Amino acid sequence: MGVLISGASVAGPVLAYWLTRHGFEVTVVERAPGLRKAGGHAVDLFRPAMDVVERMGVLPRVVERVTGTDRMVVHSPGKRSVGLDLGRLFDAVSDRHVEIMRDDLAEVFFDATRADVEYVFGDSITSVSADGVVTFEHGATRRFDLVVGADGLHSNVRRLVFGDVPELFIGAYLAVLSLPDHLGLQNCTVAHADVDRMAAIYTAEHLPDARAVFLFRSGRPLEYHHRDVARQKELLRQAYADMGGEVQRWLAHLDGTFYFDSITQLRMDTWSRGLVTLVGDAGFCPGPAVGGSTSLAVVGAYVLAGELAAAGGDPAVAFPAYEAEIGDYVRRSRAFAVGAAKRLIPGSKRELWVMRQAIRAFGHLPPPLGRALARMNGNGVRLHDSVVLKDYAAVR
């Protein structure tokens, strides 16, 4: 069977890997002219995604590319800085975790599939018929047995097949820009927290530069197009106009590599229709930066490939089984993301004070007690580790 996947970032190549292992013929189409190098921010892989990575045989390469960031220092106006041991924090959150730059992760997955998968860069899908005939912006019309949208929050496949779908704006925005590492960070994240906004800078051990990340609240969705970079930069400057010091120095590098998006959830009851389904942020984004969307995408791709193999490629059987298998993980990630956005970006002086006190308290908490408390909350910080992967080896 021939499967077309739209998107060559994370979910697309992971899905391509497992489909080829199960005997499918896979084509991946990507709008960008090559692998995206957008300066990507750091993402987290928790235990179930790490298990998938290990089964793919790419764990050593992923571990080689970890950021190595193990400490955060948080500054607030007129207050003493507070420090957080990130190693202890993630140890409490997950038994198996790495932080890696998104671009590095995408490259690892691409390298693991490039020999067995047809990649078509610089093109995009323009239509998908009910019987699998696909037209492209540049390439010739082709027919596929199945089509999968793995093309992110602003999915082209989703728009073509499902039209407008329900979204939940969580009330915040995320921006990332690349800039020189003028602080000599050396495994430390430096953050500035204020009411309704947070800005932080970090790097990875192997990177020559750094990343500045901005999270800020907005009472309503802002007016801009997701491809209008000039307007996005204007909105970011406005949000941090009166936040001085280091933050203004970071914003002076807006001419470099830049990313901007709303923290928005997709609320689809089903992400499959006919011969088409969605995976990762294209189908069930819980919210960028707050819901563990990268781990969810990796696990979702693994499950989709396994259920297709188990059903002999029959979408009428495989797609409902895929949604049932991953559905609980999706719903719990959505619920967690809404609360996480509020905790990460203090909405008042009191919330800022509470955040600072929580950081101080965590620093004095014995590690075993922190892990024990976290394990009592499977729907919260430990939700990823509560996911049990299905084994599809017998199917293959």
Foldseek 3Di string as FASTA:
>chain_A
DEEEEEDQFFLRLLLLLLLVVLPYAYEYEYQAQDQDDLVADKAKAADVLLVSCVVLVLNVQQVVAFQLAQKEWEAEPPDDIFMFGNVLVVVLLHVDMTIGGRSSNSVSSCVSPVVRHHYHYNKDWDAADLQAWTDIPPDDIDGGQAYEYAHAQVTPVCCRPVNDADKAQLFKKKKKFKDAPPVPQNSYKYKYADAFKIKIKGGGPPDRTIMIMIMGGDPDDDDDDQPPLVVQLVVVCVRCVPPDDPVVVVNVRSVGRMHMDTFMWTDDPAQDDRRYGYAFNHRTRLGPPQQSRSNLRSLLSNQLSLLCLVVVNDCVRSRVVSCVLSVVVSVLSNVQRSVRSCQVHPNDPVSVVVNSVVSVVVVVDPSVVSNVVSVVCCSYSHVVVVRDHDDSVVSD
